[in-house]
Amino acid sequence: ADVETEVAAAGVPKKRTFKKFSFRGVDLDALLDMSTDELVKLFPARARRRFQRGLKRKPMALIKKLRKAKREAPPGEKPEPVRTHLRNMIIVPEMIGSIIGVYNGK
């Protein structure tokens, strides 16, 4: 508490730290480098089962659209939101940084 008051009193703006993403103790960089098989081993049983049965056409199309939106975004800018009805899509590390608009019935 003393350090925070000293920094505030000095008038020095506190550096903003970005959120460090991790899943089950593995950081985002390591997750992105993992193969799908290694990644699936970290998932809970329901997600493992879904991946073992294979991703269908619609979830694969969503991932392709997210890749395209990220690729077309200027560096340092947020990508365009990708709209979808897929509420039950499993979030994979590749999706981090993308914006997804999920249809909620309105």
PDB file of N, CA and C in Angstrom:
ATOM      1  N   ALA A   1       0.835  -1.190   0.000  1.00  0.00           N
ATOM      2  CA  ALA A   1       0.000   0.000   0.000  1.00  0.00           C
ATOM      3  C   ALA A   1       0.877   1.251   0.000  1.00  0.00           C
ATOM      4  N   ASP A   2       2.018   1.199   0.712  1.00  0.00           N
ATOM      5  CA  ASP A   2       2.904   2.356   0.796  1.00  0.00           C
ATOM      6  C   ASP A   2       3.504   2.703  -0.555  1.00  0.00           C
ATOM      7  N   VAL A   3       3.849   1.683  -1.327  1.00  0.00           N
ATOM      8  CA  VAL A   3       4.476   1.910  -2.627  1.00  0.00           C
ATOM      9  C   VAL A   3       3.490   2.579  -3.573  1.00  0.00           C
ATOM     10  N   GLU A   4       2.218   2.151  -3.548  1.00  0.00           N
ATOM     11  CA  GLU A   4       1.213   2.729  -4.435  1.00  0.00           C
ATOM     12  C   GLU A   4       0.977   4.201  -4.118  1.00  0.00           C
ATOM     13  N   THR A   5       0.944   4.545  -2.842  1.00  0.00           N
ATOM     14  CA  THR A   5       0.728   5.946  -2.475  1.00  0.00           C
ATOM     15  C   THR A   5       1.924   6.804  -2.857  1.00  0.00           C
ATOM     16  N   GLU A   6       3.128   6.247  -2.758  1.00  0.00           N
ATOM     17  CA  GLU A   6       4.323   6.993  -3.155  1.00  0.00           C
ATOM     18  C   GLU A   6       4.319   7.262  -4.652  1.00  0.00           C
ATOM     19  N   VAL A   7       3.922   6.256  -5.437  1.00  0.00           N
ATOM     20  CA  VAL A   7       3.877   6.428  -6.892  1.00  0.00           C
ATOM     21  C   VAL A   7       2.824   7.459  -7.254  1.00  0.00           C
ATOM     22  N   ALA A   8       1.664   7.398  -6.606  1.00  0.00           N
ATOM     23  CA  ALA A   8       0.597   8.355  -6.886  1.00  0.00           C
ATOM     24  C   ALA A   8       1.017   9.764  -6.473  1.00  0.00           C
ATOM     25  N   ALA A   9       1.717   9.869  -5.353  1.00  0.00           N
ATOM     26  CA  ALA A   9       2.157  11.175  -4.869  1.00  0.00           C
ATOM     27  C   ALA A   9       3.222  11.775  -5.782  1.00  0.00           C
ATOM     28  N   ALA A  10       4.051  10.942  -6.367  1.00  0.00           N
ATOM     29  CA  ALA A  10       5.120  11.427  -7.233  1.00  0.00           C
ATOM     30  C   ALA A  10       4.574  11.959  -8.554  1.00  0.00           C
ATOM     31  N   GLY A  11       3.337  11.583  -8.899  1.00  0.00           N
ATOM     32  CA  GLY A  11       2.741  12.062 -10.137  1.00  0.00           C
ATOM     33  C   GLY A  11       3.201  11.289 -11.354  1.00  0.00           C
ATOM     34  N   VAL A  12       3.901  10.183 -11.151  1.00  0.00           N
ATOM     35  CA  VAL A  12       4.362   9.361 -12.263  1.00  0.00           C
ATOM     36  C   VAL A  12       3.225   8.424 -12.659  1.00  0.00           C
ATOM     37  N   PRO A  13       2.803   8.466 -13.921  1.00  0.00           N
ATOM     38  CA  PRO A  13       1.727   7.553 -14.318  1.00  0.00           C
ATOM     39  C   PRO A  13       2.205   6.101 -14.252  1.00  0.00           C
ATOM     40  N   LYS A  14       1.373   5.259 -13.664  1.00  0.00           N
ATOM     41  CA  LYS A  14       1.741   3.858 -13.501  1.00  0.00           C
ATOM     42  C   LYS A  14       1.685   3.163 -14.859  1.00  0.00           C
ATOM     43  N   LYS A  15       2.712   2.377 -15.157  1.00  0.00           N
ATOM     44  CA  LYS A  15       2.739   1.644 -16.419  1.00  0.00           C
ATOM     45  C   LYS A  15       1.618   0.624 -16.419  1.00  0.00           C
ATOM     46  N   ARG A  16       0.903   0.531 -17.530  1.00  0.00           N
ATOM     47  CA  ARG A  16      -0.199  -0.417 -17.626  1.00  0.00           C
ATOM     48  C   ARG A  16       0.346  -1.761 -18.086  1.00  0.00           C
ATOM     49  N   THR A  17       0.057  -2.791 -17.327  1.00  0.00           N
ATOM     50  CA  THR A  17       0.518  -4.125 -17.697  1.00  0.00           C
ATOM     51  C   THR A  17      -0.612  -4.849 -18.404  1.00  0.00           C
ATOM     52  N   PHE A  18      -0.262  -5.555 -19.453  1.00  0.00           N
ATOM     53  CA  PHE A  18      -1.256  -6.293 -20.203  1.00  0.00           C
ATOM     54  C   PHE A  18      -1.514  -7.634 -19.551  1.00  0.00           C
ATOM     55  N   LYS A  19      -2.727  -8.129 -19.737  1.00  0.00           N
ATOM     56  CA  LYS A  19      -3.103  -9.400 -19.135  1.00  0.00           C
ATOM     57  C   LYS A  19      -2.298 -10.521 -19.772  1.00  0.00           C
ATOM     58  N   LYS A  20      -1.726 -11.362 -18.945  1.00  0.00           N
ATOM     59  CA  LYS A  20      -0.941 -12.507 -19.414  1.00  0.00           C
ATOM     60  C   LYS A  20      -1.887 -13.697 -19.505  1.00  0.00           C
ATOM     61  N   PHE A  21      -2.132 -14.171 -20.720  1.00  0.00           N
ATOM     62  CA  PHE A  21      -3.045 -15.290 -20.916  1.00  0.00           C
ATOM     63  C   PHE A  21      -2.341 -16.599 -20.613  1.00  0.00           C
ATOM     64  N   SER A  22      -3.027 -17.467 -19.892  1.00  0.00           N
ATOM     65  CA  SER A  22      -2.511 -18.814 -19.664  1.00  0.00           C
ATOM     66  C   SER A  22      -3.694 -19.758 -19.499  1.00  0.00           C
ATOM     67  N   PHE A  23      -3.480 -21.021 -19.788  1.00  0.00           N
ATOM     68  CA  PHE A  23      -4.510 -22.044 -19.642  1.00  0.00           C
ATOM     69  C   PHE A  23      -3.878 -23.241 -18.965  1.00  0.00           C
ATOM     70  N   ARG A  24      -4.392 -23.577 -17.787  1.00  0.00           N
ATOM     71  CA  ARG A  24      -3.885 -24.695 -16.998  1.00  0.00           C
ATOM     72  C   ARG A  24      -2.372 -24.604 -16.783  1.00  0.00           C
ATOM     73  N   GLY A  25      -1.895 -23.397 -16.521  1.00  0.00           N
ATOM     74  CA  GLY A  25      -0.487 -23.185 -16.211  1.00  0.00           C
ATOM     75  C   GLY A  25       0.427 -23.051 -17.411  1.00  0.00           C
ATOM     76  N   VAL A  26      -0.111 -23.114 -18.629  1.00  0.00           N
ATOM     77  CA  VAL A  26       0.697 -22.988 -19.846  1.00  0.00           C
ATOM     78  C   VAL A  26       0.409 -21.617 -20.447  1.00  0.00           C
ATOM     79  N   ASP A  27       1.469 -20.830 -20.724  1.00  0.00           N
ATOM     80  CA  ASP A  27       1.242 -19.488 -21.248  1.00  0.00           C
ATOM     81  C   ASP A  27       0.864 -19.521 -22.728  1.00  0.00           C
ATOM     82  N   LEU A  28       0.357 -18.383 -23.216  1.00  0.00           N
ATOM     83  CA  LEU A  28      -0.221 -18.299 -24.558  1.00  0.00           C
ATOM     84  C   LEU A  28       0.781 -18.650 -25.653  1.00  0.00           C
ATOM     85  N   ASP A  29       2.026 -18.196 -25.534  1.00  0.00           N
ATOM     86  CA  ASP A  29       3.024 -18.482 -26.570  1.00  0.00           C
ATOM     87  C   ASP A  29       3.230 -19.983 -26.734  1.00  0.00           C
ATOM     88  N   ALA A  30       3.317 -20.692 -25.610  1.00  0.00           N
ATOM     89  CA  ALA A  30       3.494 -22.148 -25.665  1.00  0.00           C
ATOM     90  C   ALA A  30       2.248 -22.817 -26.236  1.00  0.00           C
ATOM     91  N   LEU A  31       1.066 -22.297 -25.903  1.00  0.00           N
ATOM     92  CA  LEU A  31      -0.179 -22.871 -26.430  1.00  0.00           C
ATOM     93  C   LEU A  31      -0.260 -22.711 -27.942  1.00  0.00           C
ATOM     94  N   LEU A  32       0.173 -21.553 -28.443  1.00  0.00           N
ATOM     95  CA  LEU A  32       0.119 -21.312 -29.885  1.00  0.00           C
ATOM     96  C   LEU A  32       1.085 -22.220 -30.641  1.00  0.00           C
ATOM     97  N   ASP A  33       2.207 -22.580 -29.999  1.00  0.00           N
ATOM     98  CA  ASP A  33       3.190 -23.454 -30.644  1.00  0.00           C
ATOM     99  C   ASP A  33       2.791 -24.923 -30.605  1.00  0.00           C
ATOM    100  N   MET A  34       1.849 -25.283 -29.723  1.00  0.00           N
ATOM    101  CA  MET A  34       1.462 -26.691 -29.575  1.00  0.00           C
ATOM    102  C   MET A  34       0.694 -27.190 -30.789  1.00  0.00           C
ATOM    103  N   SER A  35       0.837 -28.491 -31.050  1.00  0.00           N
ATOM    104  CA  SER A  35       0.007 -29.112 -32.081  1.00  0.00           C
ATOM    105  C   SER A  35      -1.381 -29.343 -31.491  1.00  0.00           C
ATOM    106  N   THR A  36      -2.339 -29.647 -32.343  1.00  0.00           N
ATOM    107  CA  THR A  36      -3.705 -29.868 -31.878  1.00  0.00           C
ATOM    108  C   THR A  36      -3.774 -31.034 -30.903  1.00  0.00           C
ATOM    109  N   ASP A  37      -3.012 -32.102 -31.170  1.00  0.00           N
ATOM    110  CA  ASP A  37      -3.035 -33.268 -30.283  1.00  0.00           C
ATOM    111  C   ASP A  37      -2.521 -32.923 -28.888  1.00  0.00           C
ATOM    112  N   GLU A  38      -1.445 -32.138 -28.810  1.00  0.00           N
ATOM    113  CA  GLU A  38      -0.908 -31.738 -27.506  1.00  0.00           C
ATOM    114  C   GLU A  38      -1.888 -30.830 -26.773  1.00  0.00           C
ATOM    115  N   LEU A  39      -2.546 -29.958 -27.539  1.00  0.00           N
ATOM    116  CA  LEU A  39      -3.499 -29.018 -26.960  1.00  0.00           C
ATOM    117  C   LEU A  39      -4.719 -29.739 -26.405  1.00  0.00           C
ATOM    118  N   VAL A  40      -5.197 -30.735 -27.138  1.00  0.00           N
ATOM    119  CA  VAL A  40      -6.388 -31.478 -26.723  1.00  0.00           C
ATOM    120  C   VAL A  40      -6.147 -32.190 -25.394  1.00  0.00           C
ATOM    121  N   LYS A  41      -4.907 -32.583 -25.120  1.00  0.00           N
ATOM    122  CA  LYS A  41      -4.598 -33.255 -23.852  1.00  0.00           C
ATOM    123  C   LYS A  41      -4.838 -32.345 -22.652  1.00  0.00           C
ATOM    124  N   LEU A  42      -4.781 -31.021 -22.853  1.00  0.00           N
ATOM    125  CA  LEU A  42      -5.021 -30.075 -21.765  1.00  0.00           C
ATOM    126  C   LEU A  42      -6.510 -29.822 -21.522  1.00  0.00           C
ATOM    127  N   PHE A  43      -7.347 -30.126 -22.512  1.00  0.00           N
ATOM    128  CA  PHE A  43      -8.770 -29.818 -22.433  1.00  0.00           C
ATOM    129  C   PHE A  43      -9.495 -30.734 -21.462  1.00  0.00           C
ATOM    130  N   PRO A  44     -10.639 -30.287 -20.925  1.00  0.00           N
ATOM    131  CA  PRO A  44     -11.485 -31.181 -20.137  1.00  0.00           C
ATOM    132  C   PRO A  44     -12.124 -32.252 -21.033  1.00  0.00           C
ATOM    133  N   ALA A  45     -12.735 -33.248 -20.427  1.00  0.00           N
ATOM    134  CA  ALA A  45     -13.223 -34.424 -21.151  1.00  0.00           C
ATOM    135  C   ALA A  45     -14.205 -34.074 -22.269  1.00  0.00           C
ATOM    136  N   ARG A  46     -15.134 -33.168 -22.019  1.00  0.00           N
ATOM    137  CA  ARG A  46     -16.152 -32.834 -23.021  1.00  0.00           C
ATOM    138  C   ARG A  46     -15.500 -32.230 -24.266  1.00  0.00           C
ATOM    139  N   ALA A  47     -14.529 -31.342 -24.082  1.00  0.00           N
ATOM    140  CA  ALA A  47     -13.849 -30.716 -25.216  1.00  0.00           C
ATOM    141  C   ALA A  47     -12.975 -31.734 -25.950  1.00  0.00           C
ATOM    142  N   ARG A  48     -12.316 -32.638 -25.193  1.00  0.00           N
ATOM    143  CA  ARG A  48     -11.511 -33.693 -25.831  1.00  0.00           C
ATOM    144  C   ARG A  48     -12.389 -34.556 -26.721  1.00  0.00           C
ATOM    145  N   ARG A  49     -13.547 -34.925 -26.211  1.00  0.00           N
ATOM    146  CA  ARG A  49     -14.477 -35.762 -26.981  1.00  0.00           C
ATOM    147  C   ARG A  49     -14.900 -35.055 -28.264  1.00  0.00           C
ATOM    148  N   ARG A  50     -15.187 -33.773 -28.165  1.00  0.00           N
ATOM    149  CA  ARG A  50     -15.633 -33.015 -29.334  1.00  0.00           C
ATOM    150  C   ARG A  50     -14.528 -32.945 -30.397  1.00  0.00           C
ATOM    151  N   PHE A  51     -13.286 -32.735 -29.957  1.00  0.00           N
ATOM    152  CA  PHE A  51     -12.178 -32.666 -30.908  1.00  0.00           C
ATOM    153  C   PHE A  51     -11.867 -34.029 -31.505  1.00  0.00           C
ATOM    154  N   GLN A  52     -11.995 -35.097 -30.714  1.00  0.00           N
ATOM    155  CA  GLN A  52     -11.735 -36.435 -31.238  1.00  0.00           C
ATOM    156  C   GLN A  52     -12.740 -36.803 -32.321  1.00  0.00           C
ATOM    157  N   ARG A  53     -13.964 -36.308 -32.175  1.00  0.00           N
ATOM    158  CA  ARG A  53     -14.991 -36.588 -33.180  1.00  0.00           C
ATOM    159  C   ARG A  53     -14.824 -35.687 -34.405  1.00  0.00           C
ATOM    160  N   GLY A  54     -13.950 -34.720 -34.319  1.00  0.00           N
ATOM    161  CA  GLY A  54     -13.645 -33.865 -35.469  1.00  0.00           C
ATOM    162  C   GLY A  54     -14.490 -32.606 -35.487  1.00  0.00           C
ATOM    163  N   LEU A  55     -13.889 -31.505 -35.925  1.00  0.00           N
ATOM    164  CA  LEU A  55     -14.631 -30.257 -36.058  1.00  0.00           C
ATOM    165  C   LEU A  55     -15.424 -30.300 -37.355  1.00  0.00           C
ATOM    166  N   LYS A  56     -16.674 -29.935 -37.264  1.00  0.00           N
ATOM    167  CA  LYS A  56     -17.555 -29.960 -38.428  1.00  0.00           C
ATOM    168  C   LYS A  56     -17.297 -28.735 -39.303  1.00  0.00           C
ATOM    169  N   ARG A  57     -18.112 -28.603 -40.328  1.00  0.00           N
ATOM    170  CA  ARG A  57     -17.906 -27.561 -41.324  1.00  0.00           C
ATOM    171  C   ARG A  57     -18.079 -26.150 -40.746  1.00  0.00           C
ATOM    172  N   LYS A  58     -19.113 -25.933 -39.937  1.00  0.00           N
ATOM    173  CA  LYS A  58     -19.378 -24.577 -39.435  1.00  0.00           C
ATOM    174  C   LYS A  58     -18.303 -24.069 -38.469  1.00  0.00           C
ATOM    175  N   PRO A  59     -17.849 -24.873 -37.488  1.00  0.00           N
ATOM    176  CA  PRO A  59     -16.754 -24.380 -36.636  1.00  0.00           C
ATOM    177  C   PRO A  59     -15.471 -24.112 -37.421  1.00  0.00           C
ATOM    178  N   MET A  60     -15.173 -24.941 -38.410  1.00  0.00           N
ATOM    179  CA  MET A  60     -13.976 -24.708 -39.229  1.00  0.00           C
ATOM    180  C   MET A  60     -14.117 -23.413 -40.027  1.00  0.00           C
ATOM    181  N   ALA A  61     -15.331 -23.148 -40.526  1.00  0.00           N
ATOM    182  CA  ALA A  61     -15.564 -21.914 -41.277  1.00  0.00           C
ATOM    183  C   ALA A  61     -15.368 -20.695 -40.378  1.00  0.00           C
ATOM    184  N   LEU A  62     -15.801 -20.793 -39.124  1.00  0.00           N
ATOM    185  CA  LEU A  62     -15.611 -19.683 -38.182  1.00  0.00           C
ATOM    186  C   LEU A  62     -14.124 -19.421 -37.957  1.00  0.00           C
ATOM    187  N   ILE A  63     -13.347 -20.475 -37.770  1.00  0.00           N
ATOM    188  CA  ILE A  63     -11.904 -20.310 -37.551  1.00  0.00           C
ATOM    189  C   ILE A  63     -11.251 -19.675 -38.777  1.00  0.00           C
ATOM    190  N   LYS A  64     -11.668 -20.089 -39.976  1.00  0.00           N
ATOM    191  CA  LYS A  64     -11.118 -19.498 -41.205  1.00  0.00           C
ATOM    192  C   LYS A  64     -11.466 -18.014 -41.305  1.00  0.00           C
ATOM    193  N   LYS A  65     -12.703 -17.649 -40.939  1.00  0.00           N
ATOM    194  CA  LYS A  65     -13.103 -16.238 -40.977  1.00  0.00           C
ATOM    195  C   LYS A  65     -12.307 -15.416 -39.969  1.00  0.00           C
ATOM    196  N   LEU A  66     -12.040 -15.999 -38.795  1.00  0.00           N
ATOM    197  CA  LEU A  66     -11.251 -15.292 -37.780  1.00  0.00           C
ATOM    198  C   LEU A  66      -9.823 -15.069 -38.260  1.00  0.00           C
ATOM    199  N   ARG A  67      -9.253 -16.086 -38.906  1.00  0.00           N
ATOM    200  CA  ARG A  67      -7.897 -15.938 -39.460  1.00  0.00           C
ATOM    201  C   ARG A  67      -7.869 -14.823 -40.493  1.00  0.00           C
ATOM    202  N   LYS A  68      -8.889 -14.794 -41.366  1.00  0.00           N
ATOM    203  CA  LYS A  68      -8.954 -13.801 -42.430  1.00  0.00           C
ATOM    204  C   LYS A  68      -9.084 -12.392 -41.840  1.00  0.00           C
ATOM    205  N   ALA A  69      -9.939 -12.236 -40.820  1.00  0.00           N
ATOM    206  CA  ALA A  69     -10.135 -10.926 -40.192  1.00  0.00           C
ATOM    207  C   ALA A  69      -8.840 -10.447 -39.538  1.00  0.00           C
ATOM    208  N   LYS A  70      -8.105 -11.353 -38.893  1.00  0.00           N
ATOM    209  CA  LYS A  70      -6.829 -10.985 -38.270  1.00  0.00           C
ATOM    210  C   LYS A  70      -5.800 -10.599 -39.323  1.00  0.00           C
ATOM    211  N   ARG A  71      -5.780 -11.350 -40.419  1.00  0.00           N
ATOM    212  CA  ARG A  71      -4.805 -11.108 -41.485  1.00  0.00           C
ATOM    213  C   ARG A  71      -5.054  -9.751 -42.137  1.00  0.00           C
ATOM    214  N   GLU A  72      -6.336  -9.381 -42.333  1.00  0.00           N
ATOM    215  CA  GLU A  72      -6.666  -8.141 -43.034  1.00  0.00           C
ATOM    216  C   GLU A  72      -6.601  -6.905 -42.135  1.00  0.00           C
ATOM    217  N   ALA A  73      -6.516  -7.111 -40.819  1.00  0.00           N
ATOM    218  CA  ALA A  73      -6.454  -5.970 -39.896  1.00  0.00           C
ATOM    219  C   ALA A  73      -5.078  -5.322 -39.977  1.00  0.00           C
ATOM    220  N   PRO A  74      -5.032  -3.984 -39.955  1.00  0.00           N
ATOM    221  CA  PRO A  74      -3.728  -3.321 -39.936  1.00  0.00           C
ATOM    222  C   PRO A  74      -2.982  -3.657 -38.641  1.00  0.00           C
ATOM    223  N   PRO A  75      -1.662  -3.706 -38.685  1.00  0.00           N
ATOM    224  CA  PRO A  75      -0.899  -4.045 -37.475  1.00  0.00           C
ATOM    225  C   PRO A  75      -1.180  -3.064 -36.335  1.00  0.00           C
ATOM    226  N   GLY A  76      -1.373  -3.597 -35.141  1.00  0.00           N
ATOM    227  CA  GLY A  76      -1.642  -2.768 -33.975  1.00  0.00           C
ATOM    228  C   GLY A  76      -3.094  -2.359 -33.817  1.00  0.00           C
ATOM    229  N   GLU A  77      -3.954  -2.779 -34.741  1.00  0.00           N
ATOM    230  CA  GLU A  77      -5.376  -2.441 -34.675  1.00  0.00           C
ATOM    231  C   GLU A  77      -6.184  -3.693 -34.354  1.00  0.00           C
ATOM    232  N   LYS A  78      -7.394  -3.484 -33.851  1.00  0.00           N
ATOM    233  CA  LYS A  78      -8.285  -4.611 -33.581  1.00  0.00           C
ATOM    234  C   LYS A  78      -8.866  -5.115 -34.897  1.00  0.00           C
ATOM    235  N   PRO A  79      -9.016  -6.429 -35.046  1.00  0.00           N
ATOM    236  CA  PRO A  79      -9.649  -6.946 -36.265  1.00  0.00           C
ATOM    237  C   PRO A  79     -11.154  -6.686 -36.255  1.00  0.00           C
ATOM    238  N   GLU A  80     -11.761  -6.762 -37.419  1.00  0.00           N
ATOM    239  CA  GLU A  80     -13.207  -6.599 -37.528  1.00  0.00           C
ATOM    240  C   GLU A  80     -13.906  -7.739 -36.797  1.00  0.00           C
ATOM    241  N   PRO A  81     -15.060  -7.471 -36.170  1.00  0.00           N
ATOM    242  CA  PRO A  81     -15.784  -8.561 -35.511  1.00  0.00           C
ATOM    243  C   PRO A  81     -16.319  -9.562 -36.532  1.00  0.00           C
ATOM    244  N   VAL A  82     -16.272 -10.823 -36.174  1.00  0.00           N
ATOM    245  CA  VAL A  82     -16.823 -11.890 -37.010  1.00  0.00           C
ATOM    246  C   VAL A  82     -18.123 -12.322 -36.356  1.00  0.00           C
ATOM    247  N   ARG A  83     -19.220 -12.287 -37.117  1.00  0.00           N
ATOM    248  CA  ARG A  83     -20.523 -12.622 -36.565  1.00  0.00           C
ATOM    249  C   ARG A  83     -20.803 -14.103 -36.760  1.00  0.00           C
ATOM    250  N   THR A  84     -21.426 -14.706 -35.739  1.00  0.00           N
ATOM    251  CA  THR A  84     -21.692 -16.138 -35.793  1.00  0.00           C
ATOM    252  C   THR A  84     -22.893 -16.496 -34.926  1.00  0.00           C
ATOM    253  N   HIS A  85     -23.448 -17.661 -35.180  1.00  0.00           N
ATOM    254  CA  HIS A  85     -24.500 -18.232 -34.337  1.00  0.00           C
ATOM    255  C   HIS A  85     -23.933 -19.313 -33.430  1.00  0.00           C
ATOM    256  N   LEU A  86     -22.667 -19.637 -33.584  1.00  0.00           N
ATOM    257  CA  LEU A  86     -22.072 -20.772 -32.866  1.00  0.00           C
ATOM    258  C   LEU A  86     -21.780 -20.406 -31.413  1.00  0.00           C
ATOM    259  N   ARG A  87     -22.735 -20.710 -30.534  1.00  0.00           N
ATOM    260  CA  ARG A  87     -22.564 -20.414 -29.113  1.00  0.00           C
ATOM    261  C   ARG A  87     -21.747 -21.488 -28.413  1.00  0.00           C
ATOM    262  N   ASN A  88     -21.666 -22.683 -29.008  1.00  0.00           N
ATOM    263  CA  ASN A  88     -21.003 -23.803 -28.338  1.00  0.00           C
ATOM    264  C   ASN A  88     -19.606 -24.068 -28.883  1.00  0.00           C
ATOM    265  N   MET A  89     -19.020 -23.083 -29.550  1.00  0.00           N
ATOM    266  CA  MET A  89     -17.682 -23.244 -30.107  1.00  0.00           C
ATOM    267  C   MET A  89     -16.648 -23.254 -28.983  1.00  0.00           C
ATOM    268  N   ILE A  90     -15.722 -24.197 -29.040  1.00  0.00           N
ATOM    269  CA  ILE A  90     -14.647 -24.275 -28.055  1.00  0.00           C
ATOM    270  C   ILE A  90     -13.579 -23.250 -28.434  1.00  0.00           C
ATOM    271  N   ILE A  91     -13.169 -22.451 -27.464  1.00  0.00           N
ATOM    272  CA  ILE A  91     -12.168 -21.412 -27.717  1.00  0.00           C
ATOM    273  C   ILE A  91     -10.792 -22.062 -27.779  1.00  0.00           C
ATOM    274  N   VAL A  92     -10.119 -21.892 -28.899  1.00  0.00           N
ATOM    275  CA  VAL A  92      -8.764 -22.409 -29.064  1.00  0.00           C
ATOM    276  C   VAL A  92      -7.800 -21.219 -29.014  1.00  0.00           C
ATOM    277  N   PRO A  93      -6.531 -21.440 -28.670  1.00  0.00           N
ATOM    278  CA  PRO A  93      -5.586 -20.326 -28.512  1.00  0.00           C
ATOM    279  C   PRO A  93      -5.468 -19.433 -29.746  1.00  0.00           C
ATOM    280  N   GLU A  94      -5.677 -19.990 -30.907  1.00  0.00           N
ATOM    281  CA  GLU A  94      -5.598 -19.228 -32.152  1.00  0.00           C
ATOM    282  C   GLU A  94      -6.636 -18.101 -32.190  1.00  0.00           C
ATOM    283  N   MET A  95      -7.725 -18.243 -31.434  1.00  0.00           N
ATOM    284  CA  MET A  95      -8.808 -17.261 -31.447  1.00  0.00           C
ATOM    285  C   MET A  95      -8.519 -16.052 -30.558  1.00  0.00           C
ATOM    286  N   ILE A  96      -7.514 -16.136 -29.700  1.00  0.00           N
ATOM    287  CA  ILE A  96      -7.199 -15.037 -28.789  1.00  0.00           C
ATOM    288  C   ILE A  96      -6.789 -13.816 -29.617  1.00  0.00           C
ATOM    289  N   GLY A  97      -7.385 -12.681 -29.302  1.00  0.00           N
ATOM    290  CA  GLY A  97      -7.107 -11.452 -30.034  1.00  0.00           C
ATOM    291  C   GLY A  97      -8.140 -11.154 -31.098  1.00  0.00           C
ATOM    292  N   SER A  98      -8.999 -12.117 -31.410  1.00  0.00           N
ATOM    293  CA  SER A  98     -10.067 -11.905 -32.379  1.00  0.00           C
ATOM    294  C   SER A  98     -11.304 -11.384 -31.663  1.00  0.00           C
ATOM    295  N   ILE A  99     -12.215 -10.799 -32.434  1.00  0.00           N
ATOM    296  CA  ILE A  99     -13.473 -10.320 -31.881  1.00  0.00           C
ATOM    297  C   ILE A  99     -14.590 -11.115 -32.539  1.00  0.00           C
ATOM    298  N   ILE A 100     -15.426 -11.725 -31.699  1.00  0.00           N
ATOM    299  CA  ILE A 100     -16.509 -12.561 -32.204  1.00  0.00           C
ATOM    300  C   ILE A 100     -17.825 -11.986 -31.711  1.00  0.00           C
ATOM    301  N   GLY A 101     -18.743 -11.749 -32.643  1.00  0.00           N
ATOM    302  CA  GLY A 101     -20.088 -11.309 -32.286  1.00  0.00           C
ATOM    303  C   GLY A 101     -21.006 -12.508 -32.331  1.00  0.00           C
ATOM    304  N   VAL A 102     -21.481 -12.944 -31.157  1.00  0.00           N
ATOM    305  CA  VAL A 102     -22.336 -14.126 -31.097  1.00  0.00           C
ATOM    306  C   VAL A 102     -23.788 -13.675 -31.105  1.00  0.00           C
ATOM    307  N   TYR A 103     -24.568 -14.211 -32.031  1.00  0.00           N
ATOM    308  CA  TYR A 103     -25.984 -13.885 -32.171  1.00  0.00           C
ATOM    309  C   TYR A 103     -26.733 -14.358 -30.937  1.00  0.00           C
ATOM    310  N   ASN A 104     -27.530 -13.460 -30.346  1.00  0.00           N
ATOM    311  CA  ASN A 104     -28.236 -13.815 -29.120  1.00  0.00           C
ATOM    312  C   ASN A 104     -29.750 -13.828 -29.286  1.00  0.00           C
ATOM    313  N   GLY A 105     -30.231 -13.794 -30.512  1.00  0.00           N
ATOM    314  CA  GLY A 105     -31.662 -13.897 -30.750  1.00  0.00           C
ATOM    315  C   GLY A 105     -32.356 -12.573 -31.005  1.00  0.00           C
ATOM    316  N   LYS A 106     -31.615 -11.473 -30.947  1.00  0.00           N
ATOM    317  CA  LYS A 106     -32.257 -10.167 -31.151  1.00  0.00           C
ATOM    318  C   LYS A 106     -31.862  -9.567 -32.476  1.00  0.00           C
TER     319      LYS A 106
END
